Amino acid sequence: KREKSGPLGLAYTDKIEPWQFGGEACVVDVRDLLDDATLDKNAKGTSPLVRPQHVERFEKQHRKLRFGDVALFRSDYTDRFYRPLPEGRRFIADVLDRKAVGYPDPDPDCMELLAKRGVMTLGTDSASMGPLPDLAEPTHYAGLKHGMIWTEGATNLCTLPPTGAFYIL
């Protein structure tokens, strides 16, 4: 009984259909966003946005995303920055403190495009599915309102082919 609440807000893990936990991995390469962002010193605390055109770029190179696919956003962020402290502050703390550029993540329009394609399972190799500083909640809501589930902080997406691997969370 809160703003934006609905029946999917009660869809705990035991209520989600088993088919939704896995599918064909479709690795959407967005490493260019991370590399560009680390060069932009004005973007501290801000996430580069994965937009619908990044998904469409993947689709032109490989195939159209569809129901049963798992869209995995590969920026190599976790592989690069998830480290023991104090170096590990770069993973989240330095971004929140606006000392470092944020992690690439989808914007709400990208989530809506994936929902239109029937994609219900996602993953990101960044700290969260929500871009900073102000799109974390809107992006989460854009996916959750459709019943999407996802992995955050994935590692080693570089070991997967763009399509053809099975992914399960």
N, C-alpha and C. Protein backbone atom coordinates (compact mmCIF):
# COMPACT_ATOMS: atom_id res chain seq x y z
N LYS A 1 0.83 -1.19 0.00
CA LYS A 1 0.00 0.00 0.00
C LYS A 1 0.87 1.25 0.00
N ARG A 2 1.88 1.22 -0.85
CA ARG A 2 2.77 2.37 -1.00
C ARG A 2 2.69 2.84 -2.44
N GLU A 3 3.16 4.06 -2.65
CA GLU A 3 3.19 4.59 -4.01
C GLU A 3 3.94 3.62 -4.93
N LYS A 4 3.39 3.37 -6.09
CA LYS A 4 3.95 2.48 -7.10
C LYS A 4 3.88 1.00 -6.73
N SER A 5 3.24 0.66 -5.62
CA SER A 5 3.15 -0.75 -5.26
C SER A 5 2.12 -1.45 -6.14
N GLY A 6 2.30 -2.72 -6.30
CA GLY A 6 1.39 -3.53 -7.09
C GLY A 6 1.63 -4.99 -6.79
N PRO A 7 0.96 -5.88 -7.49
CA PRO A 7 1.07 -7.31 -7.19
C PRO A 7 2.50 -7.85 -7.36
N LEU A 8 3.28 -7.27 -8.26
CA LEU A 8 4.64 -7.77 -8.44
C LEU A 8 5.55 -7.42 -7.28
N GLY A 9 5.13 -6.47 -6.44
CA GLY A 9 5.89 -6.15 -5.23
C GLY A 9 5.88 -7.29 -4.22
N LEU A 10 4.97 -8.21 -4.39
CA LEU A 10 4.89 -9.38 -3.52
C LEU A 10 5.42 -10.64 -4.20
N ALA A 11 6.09 -10.47 -5.31
CA ALA A 11 6.61 -11.61 -6.07
C ALA A 11 7.99 -12.00 -5.54
N TYR A 12 8.02 -12.61 -4.38
CA TYR A 12 9.27 -13.07 -3.81
C TYR A 12 9.81 -14.24 -4.62
N THR A 13 11.04 -14.62 -4.35
CA THR A 13 11.71 -15.66 -5.13
C THR A 13 10.87 -16.93 -5.26
N ASP A 14 10.21 -17.32 -4.21
CA ASP A 14 9.42 -18.54 -4.26
C ASP A 14 8.16 -18.41 -5.12
N LYS A 15 7.82 -17.20 -5.52
CA LYS A 15 6.64 -16.97 -6.36
C LYS A 15 6.99 -16.82 -7.84
N ILE A 16 8.27 -16.66 -8.16
CA ILE A 16 8.70 -16.47 -9.55
C ILE A 16 8.78 -17.83 -10.23
N GLU A 17 8.27 -17.89 -11.44
CA GLU A 17 8.27 -19.16 -12.18
C GLU A 17 9.72 -19.62 -12.45
N PRO A 18 9.98 -20.91 -12.34
CA PRO A 18 11.35 -21.41 -12.51
C PRO A 18 11.99 -21.06 -13.86
N TRP A 19 11.19 -21.00 -14.93
CA TRP A 19 11.76 -20.71 -16.25
C TRP A 19 12.46 -19.36 -16.28
N GLN A 20 12.04 -18.43 -15.41
CA GLN A 20 12.57 -17.07 -15.47
C GLN A 20 14.00 -16.97 -14.93
N PHE A 21 14.47 -17.98 -14.23
CA PHE A 21 15.80 -17.91 -13.63
C PHE A 21 16.93 -18.25 -14.60
N GLY A 22 16.61 -18.61 -15.83
CA GLY A 22 17.66 -18.94 -16.77
C GLY A 22 17.21 -18.77 -18.20
N GLY A 23 18.17 -18.84 -19.10
CA GLY A 23 17.88 -18.72 -20.52
C GLY A 23 19.15 -18.51 -21.31
N GLU A 24 18.99 -18.23 -22.59
CA GLU A 24 20.15 -18.00 -23.43
C GLU A 24 20.76 -16.65 -23.10
N ALA A 25 22.04 -16.66 -22.78
CA ALA A 25 22.76 -15.43 -22.47
C ALA A 25 22.96 -14.62 -23.74
N CYS A 26 22.59 -13.37 -23.69
CA CYS A 26 22.84 -12.41 -24.77
C CYS A 26 23.68 -11.30 -24.16
N VAL A 27 24.97 -11.32 -24.45
CA VAL A 27 25.92 -10.42 -23.81
C VAL A 27 26.01 -9.13 -24.62
N VAL A 28 25.42 -8.09 -24.05
CA VAL A 28 25.40 -6.77 -24.68
C VAL A 28 26.67 -6.03 -24.25
N ASP A 29 27.57 -5.87 -25.17
CA ASP A 29 28.88 -5.27 -24.88
C ASP A 29 28.76 -3.76 -24.79
N VAL A 30 28.96 -3.23 -23.58
CA VAL A 30 28.93 -1.78 -23.36
C VAL A 30 30.24 -1.30 -22.74
N ARG A 31 31.32 -2.01 -23.04
CA ARG A 31 32.63 -1.62 -22.50
C ARG A 31 33.03 -0.22 -22.96
N ASP A 32 32.55 0.18 -24.12
CA ASP A 32 32.89 1.53 -24.60
C ASP A 32 32.37 2.60 -23.64
N LEU A 33 31.26 2.35 -22.97
CA LEU A 33 30.73 3.32 -22.01
C LEU A 33 31.67 3.47 -20.81
N LEU A 34 32.19 2.38 -20.32
CA LEU A 34 33.08 2.44 -19.17
C LEU A 34 34.38 3.13 -19.56
N ASP A 35 34.92 2.78 -20.69
CA ASP A 35 36.17 3.39 -21.12
C ASP A 35 36.01 4.88 -21.37
N ASP A 36 34.93 5.28 -22.01
CA ASP A 36 34.68 6.70 -22.25
C ASP A 36 34.47 7.45 -20.93
N ALA A 37 33.74 6.83 -20.02
CA ALA A 37 33.40 7.49 -18.77
C ALA A 37 34.63 7.71 -17.90
N THR A 38 35.55 6.78 -17.88
CA THR A 38 36.71 6.94 -17.02
C THR A 38 37.60 8.09 -17.49
N LEU A 39 37.43 8.52 -18.71
CA LEU A 39 38.20 9.64 -19.24
C LEU A 39 37.53 10.98 -18.92
N ASP A 40 36.24 10.96 -18.61
CA ASP A 40 35.48 12.18 -18.37
C ASP A 40 35.52 12.53 -16.88
N LYS A 41 36.38 13.42 -16.50
CA LYS A 41 36.55 13.78 -15.09
C LYS A 41 35.35 14.56 -14.54
N ASN A 42 34.48 15.06 -15.41
CA ASN A 42 33.29 15.79 -14.96
C ASN A 42 32.14 14.85 -14.59
N ALA A 43 32.32 13.57 -14.84
CA ALA A 43 31.23 12.62 -14.63
C ALA A 43 31.33 11.90 -13.28
N LYS A 44 32.12 12.40 -12.37
CA LYS A 44 32.26 11.73 -11.07
C LYS A 44 30.91 11.63 -10.38
N GLY A 45 30.60 10.41 -9.93
CA GLY A 45 29.32 10.16 -9.27
C GLY A 45 28.17 9.92 -10.22
N THR A 46 28.45 9.89 -11.52
CA THR A 46 27.41 9.73 -12.53
C THR A 46 27.67 8.47 -13.36
N SER A 47 26.63 7.70 -13.58
CA SER A 47 26.74 6.48 -14.37
C SER A 47 26.56 6.78 -15.86
N PRO A 48 27.42 6.21 -16.71
CA PRO A 48 27.13 6.24 -18.14
C PRO A 48 25.89 5.39 -18.40
N LEU A 49 25.01 5.83 -19.26
CA LEU A 49 23.73 5.15 -19.45
C LEU A 49 23.75 4.18 -20.62
N VAL A 50 23.28 2.97 -20.34
CA VAL A 50 23.01 1.99 -21.39
C VAL A 50 21.62 2.34 -21.91
N ARG A 51 21.55 2.68 -23.15
CA ARG A 51 20.31 3.17 -23.75
C ARG A 51 19.77 2.13 -24.75
N PRO A 52 18.54 2.33 -25.22
CA PRO A 52 18.00 1.38 -26.19
C PRO A 52 18.91 1.15 -27.40
N GLN A 53 19.62 2.18 -27.84
CA GLN A 53 20.48 2.00 -29.01
C GLN A 53 21.62 1.01 -28.77
N HIS A 54 22.00 0.80 -27.50
CA HIS A 54 23.02 -0.21 -27.22
C HIS A 54 22.45 -1.62 -27.44
N VAL A 55 21.21 -1.81 -27.03
CA VAL A 55 20.55 -3.09 -27.28
C VAL A 55 20.35 -3.28 -28.78
N GLU A 56 19.92 -2.24 -29.46
CA GLU A 56 19.72 -2.32 -30.91
C GLU A 56 21.03 -2.59 -31.65
N ARG A 57 22.14 -2.04 -31.15
CA ARG A 57 23.46 -2.33 -31.73
C ARG A 57 23.77 -3.83 -31.61
N PHE A 58 23.50 -4.39 -30.41
CA PHE A 58 23.68 -5.83 -30.22
C PHE A 58 22.83 -6.60 -31.22
N GLU A 59 21.57 -6.19 -31.37
CA GLU A 59 20.65 -6.90 -32.25
C GLU A 59 21.11 -6.84 -33.71
N LYS A 60 21.66 -5.74 -34.15
CA LYS A 60 22.17 -5.65 -35.52
C LYS A 60 23.36 -6.58 -35.73
N GLN A 61 24.18 -6.73 -34.70
CA GLN A 61 25.37 -7.57 -34.80
C GLN A 61 25.06 -9.07 -34.64
N HIS A 62 24.03 -9.40 -33.89
CA HIS A 62 23.79 -10.80 -33.54
C HIS A 62 22.38 -11.26 -33.91
N ARG A 63 21.41 -10.87 -33.14
CA ARG A 63 20.01 -11.22 -33.40
C ARG A 63 19.14 -10.42 -32.46
N LYS A 64 17.85 -10.38 -32.77
CA LYS A 64 16.91 -9.65 -31.94
C LYS A 64 16.69 -10.39 -30.62
N LEU A 65 16.66 -9.65 -29.54
CA LEU A 65 16.36 -10.24 -28.24
C LEU A 65 14.90 -10.65 -28.19
N ARG A 66 14.62 -11.69 -27.40
CA ARG A 66 13.26 -12.22 -27.36
C ARG A 66 12.99 -12.87 -26.00
N PHE A 67 11.74 -13.25 -25.82
CA PHE A 67 11.32 -13.95 -24.61
C PHE A 67 12.21 -15.17 -24.39
N GLY A 68 12.66 -15.36 -23.18
CA GLY A 68 13.51 -16.49 -22.83
C GLY A 68 14.99 -16.14 -22.80
N ASP A 69 15.35 -14.99 -23.36
CA ASP A 69 16.75 -14.54 -23.33
C ASP A 69 17.07 -13.90 -21.99
N VAL A 70 18.34 -13.95 -21.65
CA VAL A 70 18.87 -13.23 -20.49
C VAL A 70 19.81 -12.16 -21.04
N ALA A 71 19.41 -10.91 -20.92
CA ALA A 71 20.24 -9.80 -21.39
C ALA A 71 21.28 -9.48 -20.32
N LEU A 72 22.55 -9.64 -20.68
CA LEU A 72 23.65 -9.38 -19.76
C LEU A 72 24.45 -8.19 -20.26
N PHE A 73 24.54 -7.15 -19.44
CA PHE A 73 25.28 -5.95 -19.82
C PHE A 73 26.72 -6.09 -19.36
N ARG A 74 27.62 -6.16 -20.34
CA ARG A 74 29.04 -6.36 -20.05
C ARG A 74 29.83 -5.06 -20.21
N SER A 75 30.27 -4.51 -19.09
CA SER A 75 31.16 -3.35 -19.12
C SER A 75 32.52 -3.69 -18.54
N ASP A 76 32.64 -4.84 -17.88
CA ASP A 76 33.84 -5.28 -17.15
C ASP A 76 34.06 -4.48 -15.87
N TYR A 77 33.05 -3.78 -15.41
CA TYR A 77 33.17 -2.93 -14.22
C TYR A 77 33.57 -3.74 -12.98
N THR A 78 32.82 -4.79 -12.66
CA THR A 78 33.12 -5.58 -11.46
C THR A 78 34.49 -6.22 -11.58
N ASP A 79 34.81 -6.78 -12.74
CA ASP A 79 36.11 -7.41 -12.92
C ASP A 79 37.24 -6.41 -12.69
N ARG A 80 37.02 -5.17 -13.06
CA ARG A 80 38.06 -4.15 -12.94
C ARG A 80 38.15 -3.54 -11.55
N PHE A 81 37.01 -3.32 -10.88
CA PHE A 81 37.02 -2.51 -9.67
C PHE A 81 36.64 -3.22 -8.37
N TYR A 82 36.13 -4.45 -8.41
CA TYR A 82 35.78 -5.14 -7.17
C TYR A 82 37.07 -5.71 -6.58
N ARG A 83 37.56 -5.07 -5.53
CA ARG A 83 38.84 -5.41 -4.92
C ARG A 83 38.73 -5.31 -3.40
N PRO A 84 39.68 -5.92 -2.68
CA PRO A 84 39.71 -5.71 -1.23
C PRO A 84 39.96 -4.23 -0.91
N LEU A 85 39.50 -3.81 0.24
CA LEU A 85 39.73 -2.44 0.69
C LEU A 85 41.21 -2.26 1.02
N PRO A 86 41.75 -1.09 0.83
CA PRO A 86 41.09 0.17 0.51
C PRO A 86 40.86 0.37 -0.99
N GLU A 87 41.57 -0.38 -1.83
CA GLU A 87 41.39 -0.21 -3.29
C GLU A 87 39.94 -0.43 -3.70
N GLY A 88 39.24 -1.30 -3.01
CA GLY A 88 37.86 -1.64 -3.34
C GLY A 88 36.86 -0.51 -3.14
N ARG A 89 37.26 0.58 -2.55
CA ARG A 89 36.36 1.73 -2.41
C ARG A 89 35.90 2.22 -3.77
N ARG A 90 36.69 1.97 -4.79
CA ARG A 90 36.35 2.42 -6.15
C ARG A 90 35.08 1.76 -6.66
N PHE A 91 34.76 0.57 -6.15
CA PHE A 91 33.60 -0.18 -6.64
C PHE A 91 32.29 0.57 -6.40
N ILE A 92 32.05 1.05 -5.19
CA ILE A 92 30.81 1.78 -4.88
C ILE A 92 31.09 3.08 -4.11
N ALA A 93 31.85 2.99 -3.03
CA ALA A 93 32.01 4.14 -2.13
C ALA A 93 32.53 5.38 -2.84
N ASP A 94 33.56 5.24 -3.66
CA ASP A 94 34.11 6.42 -4.35
C ASP A 94 33.11 7.02 -5.34
N VAL A 95 32.26 6.19 -5.91
CA VAL A 95 31.23 6.70 -6.82
C VAL A 95 30.20 7.50 -6.02
N LEU A 96 29.73 6.94 -4.91
CA LEU A 96 28.75 7.63 -4.08
C LEU A 96 29.32 8.92 -3.50
N ASP A 97 30.62 8.93 -3.22
CA ASP A 97 31.28 10.13 -2.69
C ASP A 97 31.69 11.10 -3.79
N ARG A 98 31.33 10.78 -5.03
CA ARG A 98 31.65 11.61 -6.20
C ARG A 98 33.15 11.83 -6.38
N LYS A 99 33.90 10.76 -6.10
CA LYS A 99 35.35 10.78 -6.33
C LYS A 99 35.71 10.00 -7.58
N ALA A 100 34.75 9.26 -8.14
CA ALA A 100 35.00 8.43 -9.32
C ALA A 100 33.74 8.38 -10.18
N VAL A 101 33.95 8.05 -11.43
CA VAL A 101 32.85 7.91 -12.38
C VAL A 101 32.03 6.68 -12.01
N GLY A 102 30.73 6.75 -12.23
CA GLY A 102 29.83 5.65 -11.92
C GLY A 102 29.95 4.48 -12.89
N TYR A 103 29.18 3.47 -12.59
CA TYR A 103 29.15 2.23 -13.38
C TYR A 103 28.08 2.33 -14.46
N PRO A 104 28.35 1.77 -15.64
CA PRO A 104 27.33 1.78 -16.72
C PRO A 104 26.13 0.92 -16.35
N ASP A 105 24.96 1.46 -16.61
CA ASP A 105 23.72 0.72 -16.35
C ASP A 105 22.61 1.23 -17.24
N PRO A 106 21.58 0.39 -17.43
CA PRO A 106 20.48 0.79 -18.32
C PRO A 106 19.63 1.90 -17.73
N ASP A 107 19.12 2.73 -18.62
CA ASP A 107 18.16 3.75 -18.20
C ASP A 107 16.75 3.16 -18.31
N PRO A 108 15.74 3.85 -17.81
CA PRO A 108 14.38 3.31 -17.86
C PRO A 108 13.90 2.98 -19.28
N ASP A 109 14.29 3.77 -20.27
CA ASP A 109 13.88 3.49 -21.65
C ASP A 109 14.45 2.16 -22.14
N CYS A 110 15.66 1.85 -21.73
CA CYS A 110 16.27 0.57 -22.11
C CYS A 110 15.49 -0.59 -21.47
N MET A 111 15.09 -0.41 -20.21
CA MET A 111 14.30 -1.46 -19.54
C MET A 111 12.97 -1.65 -20.25
N GLU A 112 12.36 -0.56 -20.68
CA GLU A 112 11.09 -0.66 -21.40
C GLU A 112 11.26 -1.39 -22.73
N LEU A 113 12.34 -1.11 -23.45
CA LEU A 113 12.60 -1.81 -24.71
C LEU A 113 12.74 -3.31 -24.46
N LEU A 114 13.49 -3.68 -23.44
CA LEU A 114 13.65 -5.10 -23.13
C LEU A 114 12.31 -5.74 -22.76
N ALA A 115 11.49 -5.02 -22.02
CA ALA A 115 10.16 -5.54 -21.67
C ALA A 115 9.33 -5.76 -22.93
N LYS A 116 9.40 -4.84 -23.87
CA LYS A 116 8.66 -5.00 -25.14
C LYS A 116 9.15 -6.22 -25.90
N ARG A 117 10.43 -6.54 -25.77
CA ARG A 117 10.99 -7.72 -26.44
C ARG A 117 10.63 -9.01 -25.71
N GLY A 118 10.10 -8.89 -24.49
CA GLY A 118 9.74 -10.07 -23.71
C GLY A 118 10.87 -10.58 -22.84
N VAL A 119 11.95 -9.82 -22.72
CA VAL A 119 13.09 -10.22 -21.89
C VAL A 119 12.73 -9.96 -20.44
N MET A 120 12.78 -11.01 -19.64
CA MET A 120 12.36 -10.91 -18.24
C MET A 120 13.50 -11.13 -17.25
N THR A 121 14.69 -11.46 -17.77
CA THR A 121 15.83 -11.75 -16.91
C THR A 121 17.04 -10.99 -17.44
N LEU A 122 17.70 -10.28 -16.54
CA LEU A 122 18.82 -9.43 -16.91
C LEU A 122 19.99 -9.68 -15.98
N GLY A 123 21.11 -9.10 -16.35
CA GLY A 123 22.27 -9.11 -15.49
C GLY A 123 23.17 -7.95 -15.84
N THR A 124 23.90 -7.47 -14.86
CA THR A 124 24.87 -6.42 -15.10
C THR A 124 26.13 -6.74 -14.32
N ASP A 125 27.26 -6.39 -14.89
CA ASP A 125 28.51 -6.59 -14.16
C ASP A 125 28.93 -5.29 -13.47
N SER A 126 27.95 -4.50 -13.11
CA SER A 126 28.21 -3.31 -12.31
C SER A 126 27.66 -3.54 -10.90
N ALA A 127 27.80 -2.52 -10.07
CA ALA A 127 27.41 -2.66 -8.67
C ALA A 127 25.90 -2.78 -8.46
N SER A 128 25.11 -2.21 -9.36
CA SER A 128 23.67 -2.19 -9.20
C SER A 128 23.02 -2.04 -10.57
N MET A 129 21.78 -2.45 -10.70
CA MET A 129 21.07 -2.23 -11.96
C MET A 129 20.64 -0.77 -12.11
N GLY A 130 20.81 0.02 -11.09
CA GLY A 130 20.35 1.40 -11.12
C GLY A 130 21.45 2.42 -11.29
N PRO A 131 21.41 3.20 -12.37
CA PRO A 131 22.44 4.22 -12.59
C PRO A 131 22.33 5.39 -11.61
N LEU A 132 23.49 5.92 -11.29
CA LEU A 132 23.58 7.06 -10.38
C LEU A 132 23.73 8.35 -11.17
N PRO A 133 23.40 9.50 -10.65
CA PRO A 133 22.95 9.70 -9.29
C PRO A 133 21.45 9.61 -9.08
N ASP A 134 20.64 9.74 -10.15
CA ASP A 134 19.20 9.88 -9.91
C ASP A 134 18.31 8.93 -10.71
N LEU A 135 18.89 7.92 -11.35
CA LEU A 135 18.04 6.99 -12.12
C LEU A 135 17.97 5.58 -11.53
N ALA A 136 18.52 5.39 -10.34
CA ALA A 136 18.49 4.06 -9.74
C ALA A 136 17.06 3.58 -9.51
N GLU A 137 16.27 4.39 -8.83
CA GLU A 137 14.89 3.98 -8.55
C GLU A 137 14.05 3.90 -9.82
N PRO A 138 14.10 4.89 -10.72
CA PRO A 138 13.29 4.77 -11.94
C PRO A 138 13.66 3.56 -12.81
N THR A 139 14.94 3.23 -12.86
CA THR A 139 15.36 2.07 -13.66
C THR A 139 14.89 0.78 -13.01
N HIS A 140 15.07 0.67 -11.70
CA HIS A 140 14.58 -0.53 -11.01
C HIS A 140 13.07 -0.67 -11.23
N TYR A 141 12.35 0.40 -11.02
CA TYR A 141 10.89 0.34 -11.18
C TYR A 141 10.49 0.00 -12.60
N ALA A 142 11.21 0.54 -13.58
CA ALA A 142 10.89 0.27 -14.99
C ALA A 142 10.97 -1.22 -15.29
N GLY A 143 11.88 -1.93 -14.65
CA GLY A 143 11.96 -3.38 -14.84
C GLY A 143 11.04 -4.16 -13.93
N LEU A 144 11.02 -3.79 -12.67
CA LEU A 144 10.24 -4.54 -11.69
C LEU A 144 8.74 -4.50 -11.98
N LYS A 145 8.26 -3.40 -12.53
CA LYS A 145 6.81 -3.33 -12.80
C LYS A 145 6.38 -4.35 -13.85
N HIS A 146 7.34 -4.86 -14.64
CA HIS A 146 7.05 -5.90 -15.63
C HIS A 146 7.34 -7.30 -15.07
N GLY A 147 7.89 -7.37 -13.87
CA GLY A 147 8.23 -8.66 -13.27
C GLY A 147 9.63 -9.13 -13.60
N MET A 148 10.49 -8.24 -14.10
CA MET A 148 11.86 -8.63 -14.41
C MET A 148 12.63 -8.96 -13.13
N ILE A 149 13.61 -9.84 -13.28
CA ILE A 149 14.56 -10.15 -12.22
C ILE A 149 15.95 -10.00 -12.82
N TRP A 150 16.96 -9.83 -11.95
CA TRP A 150 18.30 -9.65 -12.49
C TRP A 150 19.39 -9.97 -11.48
N THR A 151 20.58 -10.13 -12.04
CA THR A 151 21.82 -10.29 -11.30
C THR A 151 22.55 -8.96 -11.32
N GLU A 152 23.11 -8.58 -10.19
CA GLU A 152 23.96 -7.40 -10.11
C GLU A 152 25.35 -7.86 -9.67
N GLY A 153 26.38 -7.17 -10.11
CA GLY A 153 27.74 -7.52 -9.72
C GLY A 153 28.24 -8.80 -10.36
N ALA A 154 27.75 -9.13 -11.54
CA ALA A 154 28.21 -10.34 -12.24
C ALA A 154 29.71 -10.22 -12.55
N THR A 155 30.36 -11.34 -12.67
CA THR A 155 31.79 -11.35 -13.01
C THR A 155 32.03 -12.26 -14.20
N ASN A 156 33.14 -12.03 -14.85
CA ASN A 156 33.61 -12.89 -15.94
C ASN A 156 32.65 -13.00 -17.12
N LEU A 157 31.87 -11.97 -17.39
CA LEU A 157 31.02 -12.01 -18.57
C LEU A 157 31.87 -12.09 -19.84
N CYS A 158 33.14 -11.73 -19.73
CA CYS A 158 34.06 -11.81 -20.86
C CYS A 158 34.27 -13.24 -21.33
N THR A 159 33.94 -14.22 -20.50
CA THR A 159 34.15 -15.62 -20.88
C THR A 159 32.99 -16.18 -21.71
N LEU A 160 31.90 -15.41 -21.81
CA LEU A 160 30.73 -15.88 -22.55
C LEU A 160 30.75 -15.38 -23.99
N PRO A 161 30.25 -16.21 -24.92
CA PRO A 161 30.07 -15.70 -26.29
C PRO A 161 28.89 -14.74 -26.31
N PRO A 162 28.77 -13.91 -27.34
CA PRO A 162 27.65 -12.96 -27.40
C PRO A 162 26.28 -13.64 -27.30
N THR A 163 26.13 -14.81 -27.89
CA THR A 163 24.90 -15.60 -27.78
C THR A 163 25.29 -17.07 -27.68
N GLY A 164 24.35 -17.88 -27.22
CA GLY A 164 24.56 -19.32 -27.26
C GLY A 164 24.87 -19.98 -25.94
N ALA A 165 25.30 -19.24 -24.94
CA ALA A 165 25.58 -19.83 -23.63
C ALA A 165 24.29 -19.88 -22.82
N PHE A 166 24.21 -20.82 -21.89
CA PHE A 166 23.08 -20.88 -20.97
C PHE A 166 23.46 -20.15 -19.71
N TYR A 167 22.58 -19.28 -19.24
CA TYR A 167 22.81 -18.52 -18.00
C TYR A 167 21.68 -18.83 -17.04
N ILE A 168 22.04 -19.08 -15.79
CA ILE A 168 21.02 -19.30 -14.77
C ILE A 168 21.47 -18.58 -13.51
N LEU A 169 20.50 -17.95 -12.82
CA LEU A 169 20.83 -17.26 -11.58
C LEU A 169 20.07 -17.89 -10.45
